[in-house]
Amino acid sequence: MNVLVYLLPLALMLGLGGLLAFLWSLKSGQYDDLDGAAVRVLSDDDLPPDPAPKGPAKS
């Protein structure tokens, strides 16, 4: 039973810390753009551009 004297305040502090971290993330705008990451995955910005053809095109 003596262990509850240590574990109960520790659990309350961890819970309060998690709540404060969540509130901070809301205030700093972490959840403002929910669709941006999904769209960024689809973009091909990391691919190098195709080289321009040299000379006249042959047909």
PDB file of N, CA and C in Angstrom:
ATOM      1  N   MET A   1       0.813  -1.198   0.000  1.00  0.00           N
ATOM      2  CA  MET A   1       0.000   0.000   0.000  1.00  0.00           C
ATOM      3  C   MET A   1       0.859   1.266   0.000  1.00  0.00           C
ATOM      4  N   ASN A   2       2.086   1.170   0.488  1.00  0.00           N
ATOM      5  CA  ASN A   2       2.940   2.350   0.495  1.00  0.00           C
ATOM      6  C   ASN A   2       3.327   2.789  -0.917  1.00  0.00           C
ATOM      7  N   VAL A   3       3.286   1.845  -1.855  1.00  0.00           N
ATOM      8  CA  VAL A   3       3.658   2.183  -3.220  1.00  0.00           C
ATOM      9  C   VAL A   3       2.622   3.126  -3.843  1.00  0.00           C
ATOM     10  N   LEU A   4       1.396   3.100  -3.370  1.00  0.00           N
ATOM     11  CA  LEU A   4       0.367   4.002  -3.886  1.00  0.00           C
ATOM     12  C   LEU A   4       0.684   5.458  -3.577  1.00  0.00           C
ATOM     13  N   VAL A   5       1.429   5.692  -2.529  1.00  0.00           N
ATOM     14  CA  VAL A   5       1.814   7.057  -2.175  1.00  0.00           C
ATOM     15  C   VAL A   5       2.701   7.646  -3.259  1.00  0.00           C
ATOM     16  N   TYR A   6       3.449   6.808  -3.938  1.00  0.00           N
ATOM     17  CA  TYR A   6       4.335   7.266  -5.009  1.00  0.00           C
ATOM     18  C   TYR A   6       3.660   7.182  -6.382  1.00  0.00           C
ATOM     19  N   LEU A   7       2.919   6.116  -6.625  1.00  0.00           N
ATOM     20  CA  LEU A   7       2.369   5.893  -7.949  1.00  0.00           C
ATOM     21  C   LEU A   7       1.193   6.803  -8.274  1.00  0.00           C
ATOM     22  N   LEU A   8       0.354   7.099  -7.316  1.00  0.00           N
ATOM     23  CA  LEU A   8      -0.808   7.942  -7.580  1.00  0.00           C
ATOM     24  C   LEU A   8      -0.412   9.367  -7.974  1.00  0.00           C
ATOM     25  N   PRO A   9       0.461  10.043  -7.236  1.00  0.00           N
ATOM     26  CA  PRO A   9       0.882  11.373  -7.699  1.00  0.00           C
ATOM     27  C   PRO A   9       1.654  11.320  -9.028  1.00  0.00           C
ATOM     28  N   LEU A  10       2.440  10.276  -9.231  1.00  0.00           N
ATOM     29  CA  LEU A  10       3.165  10.136 -10.485  1.00  0.00           C
ATOM     30  C   LEU A  10       2.203   9.982 -11.663  1.00  0.00           C
ATOM     31  N   ALA A  11       1.167   9.170 -11.497  1.00  0.00           N
ATOM     32  CA  ALA A  11       0.179   8.981 -12.551  1.00  0.00           C
ATOM     33  C   ALA A  11      -0.574  10.286 -12.816  1.00  0.00           C
ATOM     34  N   LEU A  12      -0.905  11.022 -11.791  1.00  0.00           N
ATOM     35  CA  LEU A  12      -1.602  12.296 -11.960  1.00  0.00           C
ATOM     36  C   LEU A  12      -0.711  13.321 -12.673  1.00  0.00           C
ATOM     37  N   MET A  13       0.561  13.346 -12.328  1.00  0.00           N
ATOM     38  CA  MET A  13       1.479  14.286 -12.988  1.00  0.00           C
ATOM     39  C   MET A  13       1.672  13.928 -14.459  1.00  0.00           C
ATOM     40  N   LEU A  14       1.791  12.641 -14.771  1.00  0.00           N
ATOM     41  CA  LEU A  14       1.935  12.221 -16.165  1.00  0.00           C
ATOM     42  C   LEU A  14       0.679  12.548 -16.973  1.00  0.00           C
ATOM     43  N   GLY A  15      -0.479  12.326 -16.375  1.00  0.00           N
ATOM     44  CA  GLY A  15      -1.726  12.658 -17.055  1.00  0.00           C
ATOM     45  C   GLY A  15      -1.851  14.153 -17.291  1.00  0.00           C
ATOM     46  N   LEU A  16      -1.490  14.946 -16.313  1.00  0.00           N
ATOM     47  CA  LEU A  16      -1.533  16.397 -16.457  1.00  0.00           C
ATOM     48  C   LEU A  16      -0.517  16.864 -17.502  1.00  0.00           C
ATOM     49  N   GLY A  17       0.657  16.245 -17.510  1.00  0.00           N
ATOM     50  CA  GLY A  17       1.662  16.583 -18.522  1.00  0.00           C
ATOM     51  C   GLY A  17       1.181  16.271 -19.930  1.00  0.00           C
ATOM     52  N   GLY A  18       0.522  15.130 -20.097  1.00  0.00           N
ATOM     53  CA  GLY A  18      -0.031  14.780 -21.400  1.00  0.00           C
ATOM     54  C   GLY A  18      -1.128  15.731 -21.835  1.00  0.00           C
ATOM     55  N   LEU A  19      -1.966  16.138 -20.903  1.00  0.00           N
ATOM     56  CA  LEU A  19      -3.028  17.095 -21.207  1.00  0.00           C
ATOM     57  C   LEU A  19      -2.445  18.443 -21.600  1.00  0.00           C
ATOM     58  N   LEU A  20      -1.438  18.885 -20.889  1.00  0.00           N
ATOM     59  CA  LEU A  20      -0.799  20.157 -21.215  1.00  0.00           C
ATOM     60  C   LEU A  20      -0.109  20.100 -22.580  1.00  0.00           C
ATOM     61  N   ALA A  21       0.512  18.981 -22.890  1.00  0.00           N
ATOM     62  CA  ALA A  21       1.152  18.832 -24.205  1.00  0.00           C
ATOM     63  C   ALA A  21       0.109  18.858 -25.317  1.00  0.00           C
ATOM     64  N   PHE A  22      -1.023  18.222 -25.099  1.00  0.00           N
ATOM     65  CA  PHE A  22      -2.094  18.233 -26.099  1.00  0.00           C
ATOM     66  C   PHE A  22      -2.658  19.634 -26.275  1.00  0.00           C
ATOM     67  N   LEU A  23      -2.890  20.349 -25.196  1.00  0.00           N
ATOM     68  CA  LEU A  23      -3.406  21.714 -25.292  1.00  0.00           C
ATOM     69  C   LEU A  23      -2.400  22.631 -25.978  1.00  0.00           C
ATOM     70  N   TRP A  24      -1.117  22.449 -25.703  1.00  0.00           N
ATOM     71  CA  TRP A  24      -0.079  23.242 -26.372  1.00  0.00           C
ATOM     72  C   TRP A  24      -0.088  22.967 -27.874  1.00  0.00           C
ATOM     73  N   SER A  25      -0.248  21.694 -28.255  1.00  0.00           N
ATOM     74  CA  SER A  25      -0.253  21.372 -29.681  1.00  0.00           C
ATOM     75  C   SER A  25      -1.478  21.958 -30.377  1.00  0.00           C
ATOM     76  N   LEU A  26      -2.604  22.019 -29.689  1.00  0.00           N
ATOM     77  CA  LEU A  26      -3.778  22.670 -30.262  1.00  0.00           C
ATOM     78  C   LEU A  26      -3.530  24.162 -30.449  1.00  0.00           C
ATOM     79  N   LYS A  27      -2.935  24.786 -29.447  1.00  0.00           N
ATOM     80  CA  LYS A  27      -2.699  26.228 -29.499  1.00  0.00           C
ATOM     81  C   LYS A  27      -1.669  26.596 -30.561  1.00  0.00           C
ATOM     82  N   SER A  28      -0.683  25.747 -30.795  1.00  0.00           N
ATOM     83  CA  SER A  28       0.368  26.064 -31.759  1.00  0.00           C
ATOM     84  C   SER A  28      -0.025  25.717 -33.191  1.00  0.00           C
ATOM     85  N   GLY A  29      -1.221  25.172 -33.409  1.00  0.00           N
ATOM     86  CA  GLY A  29      -1.711  24.933 -34.760  1.00  0.00           C
ATOM     87  C   GLY A  29      -1.278  23.620 -35.373  1.00  0.00           C
ATOM     88  N   GLN A  30      -0.990  22.622 -34.586  1.00  0.00           N
ATOM     89  CA  GLN A  30      -0.552  21.339 -35.127  1.00  0.00           C
ATOM     90  C   GLN A  30      -1.659  20.627 -35.895  1.00  0.00           C
ATOM     91  N   TYR A  31      -2.922  20.926 -35.603  1.00  0.00           N
ATOM     92  CA  TYR A  31      -4.041  20.218 -36.215  1.00  0.00           C
ATOM     93  C   TYR A  31      -4.811  21.102 -37.183  1.00  0.00           C
ATOM     94  N   ASP A  32      -4.216  22.193 -37.668  1.00  0.00           N
ATOM     95  CA  ASP A  32      -4.921  23.110 -38.559  1.00  0.00           C
ATOM     96  C   ASP A  32      -5.084  22.538 -39.961  1.00  0.00           C
ATOM     97  N   ASP A  33      -4.063  21.899 -40.502  1.00  0.00           N
ATOM     98  CA  ASP A  33      -4.083  21.411 -41.877  1.00  0.00           C
ATOM     99  C   ASP A  33      -4.083  19.890 -41.865  1.00  0.00           C
ATOM    100  N   LEU A  34      -5.268  19.296 -41.766  1.00  0.00           N
ATOM    101  CA  LEU A  34      -5.348  17.842 -41.682  1.00  0.00           C
ATOM    102  C   LEU A  34      -5.174  17.171 -43.040  1.00  0.00           C
ATOM    103  N   ASP A  35      -5.513  17.868 -44.128  1.00  0.00           N
ATOM    104  CA  ASP A  35      -5.415  17.259 -45.452  1.00  0.00           C
ATOM    105  C   ASP A  35      -4.087  17.547 -46.140  1.00  0.00           C
ATOM    106  N   GLY A  36      -3.293  18.437 -45.611  1.00  0.00           N
ATOM    107  CA  GLY A  36      -2.043  18.816 -46.265  1.00  0.00           C
ATOM    108  C   GLY A  36      -1.056  17.671 -46.380  1.00  0.00           C
ATOM    109  N   ALA A  37      -0.902  16.892 -45.342  1.00  0.00           N
ATOM    110  CA  ALA A  37       0.052  15.782 -45.382  1.00  0.00           C
ATOM    111  C   ALA A  37      -0.394  14.712 -46.371  1.00  0.00           C
ATOM    112  N   ALA A  38      -1.695  14.483 -46.472  1.00  0.00           N
ATOM    113  CA  ALA A  38      -2.201  13.486 -47.412  1.00  0.00           C
ATOM    114  C   ALA A  38      -1.957  13.921 -48.848  1.00  0.00           C
ATOM    115  N   VAL A  39      -2.048  15.203 -49.117  1.00  0.00           N
ATOM    116  CA  VAL A  39      -1.824  15.702 -50.474  1.00  0.00           C
ATOM    117  C   VAL A  39      -0.328  15.750 -50.777  1.00  0.00           C
ATOM    118  N   ARG A  40       0.498  16.083 -49.796  1.00  0.00           N
ATOM    119  CA  ARG A  40       1.947  16.154 -50.021  1.00  0.00           C
ATOM    120  C   ARG A  40       2.536  14.801 -50.375  1.00  0.00           C
ATOM    121  N   VAL A  41       1.929  13.729 -49.907  1.00  0.00           N
ATOM    122  CA  VAL A  41       2.430  12.396 -50.233  1.00  0.00           C
ATOM    123  C   VAL A  41       2.285  12.133 -51.728  1.00  0.00           C
ATOM    124  N   LEU A  42       1.248  12.688 -52.337  1.00  0.00           N
ATOM    125  CA  LEU A  42       0.971  12.429 -53.743  1.00  0.00           C
ATOM    126  C   LEU A  42       1.797  13.284 -54.693  1.00  0.00           C
ATOM    127  N   SER A  43       2.401  14.341 -54.212  1.00  0.00           N
ATOM    128  CA  SER A  43       3.156  15.213 -55.110  1.00  0.00           C
ATOM    129  C   SER A  43       4.501  14.582 -55.448  1.00  0.00           C
ATOM    130  N   ASP A  44       4.968  14.869 -56.665  1.00  0.00           N
ATOM    131  CA  ASP A  44       6.230  14.305 -57.157  1.00  0.00           C
ATOM    132  C   ASP A  44       7.320  15.359 -57.177  1.00  0.00           C
ATOM    133  N   ASP A  45       7.409  16.172 -56.176  1.00  0.00           N
ATOM    134  CA  ASP A  45       8.399  17.240 -56.141  1.00  0.00           C
ATOM    135  C   ASP A  45       9.825  16.719 -56.016  1.00  0.00           C
ATOM    136  N   ASP A  46       9.992  15.515 -55.534  1.00  0.00           N
ATOM    137  CA  ASP A  46      11.338  15.000 -55.331  1.00  0.00           C
ATOM    138  C   ASP A  46      11.933  14.394 -56.604  1.00  0.00           C
ATOM    139  N   LEU A  47      11.150  14.263 -57.655  1.00  0.00           N
ATOM    140  CA  LEU A  47      11.668  13.712 -58.904  1.00  0.00           C
ATOM    141  C   LEU A  47      12.389  14.802 -59.695  1.00  0.00           C
ATOM    142  N   PRO A  48      13.534  14.485 -60.323  1.00  0.00           N
ATOM    143  CA  PRO A  48      14.216  15.500 -61.134  1.00  0.00           C
ATOM    144  C   PRO A  48      13.406  15.766 -62.400  1.00  0.00           C
ATOM    145  N   PRO A  49      13.462  16.979 -62.932  1.00  0.00           N
ATOM    146  CA  PRO A  49      12.708  17.267 -64.159  1.00  0.00           C
ATOM    147  C   PRO A  49      13.301  16.517 -65.340  1.00  0.00           C
ATOM    148  N   ASP A  50      12.450  16.230 -66.311  1.00  0.00           N
ATOM    149  CA  ASP A  50      12.920  15.549 -67.522  1.00  0.00           C
ATOM    150  C   ASP A  50      13.851  16.481 -68.286  1.00  0.00           C
ATOM    151  N   PRO A  51      14.949  15.956 -68.811  1.00  0.00           N
ATOM    152  CA  PRO A  51      15.853  16.826 -69.567  1.00  0.00           C
ATOM    153  C   PRO A  51      15.177  17.301 -70.847  1.00  0.00           C
ATOM    154  N   ALA A  52      15.466  18.529 -71.236  1.00  0.00           N
ATOM    155  CA  ALA A  52      14.885  19.085 -72.471  1.00  0.00           C
ATOM    156  C   ALA A  52      15.528  18.402 -73.663  1.00  0.00           C
ATOM    157  N   PRO A  53      14.729  18.115 -74.676  1.00  0.00           N
ATOM    158  CA  PRO A  53      15.317  17.463 -75.875  1.00  0.00           C
ATOM    159  C   PRO A  53      16.274  18.434 -76.571  1.00  0.00           C
ATOM    160  N   LYS A  54      17.347  17.894 -77.098  1.00  0.00           N
ATOM    161  CA  LYS A  54      18.357  18.709 -77.782  1.00  0.00           C
ATOM    162  C   LYS A  54      18.173  18.572 -79.280  1.00  0.00           C
ATOM    163  N   GLY A  55      18.149  19.682 -79.958  1.00  0.00           N
ATOM    164  CA  GLY A  55      18.025  19.662 -81.406  1.00  0.00           C
ATOM    165  C   GLY A  55      16.579  19.594 -81.828  1.00  0.00           C
ATOM    166  N   PRO A  56      16.352  19.603 -83.126  1.00  0.00           N
ATOM    167  CA  PRO A  56      14.983  19.545 -83.645  1.00  0.00           C
ATOM    168  C   PRO A  56      14.394  18.161 -83.436  1.00  0.00           C
ATOM    169  N   ALA A  57      13.084  18.144 -83.275  1.00  0.00           N
ATOM    170  CA  ALA A  57      12.391  16.872 -83.089  1.00  0.00           C
ATOM    171  C   ALA A  57      12.326  16.144 -84.422  1.00  0.00           C
ATOM    172  N   LYS A  58      12.569  14.839 -84.390  1.00  0.00           N
ATOM    173  CA  LYS A  58      12.510  14.023 -85.620  1.00  0.00           C
ATOM    174  C   LYS A  58      11.161  13.356 -85.695  1.00  0.00           C
ATOM    175  N   SER A  59      10.592  13.333 -86.894  1.00  0.00           N
ATOM    176  CA  SER A  59       9.300  12.680 -87.050  1.00  0.00           C
ATOM    177  C   SER A  59       9.336  11.554 -88.036  1.00  0.00           C
TER     178      SER A  59
END
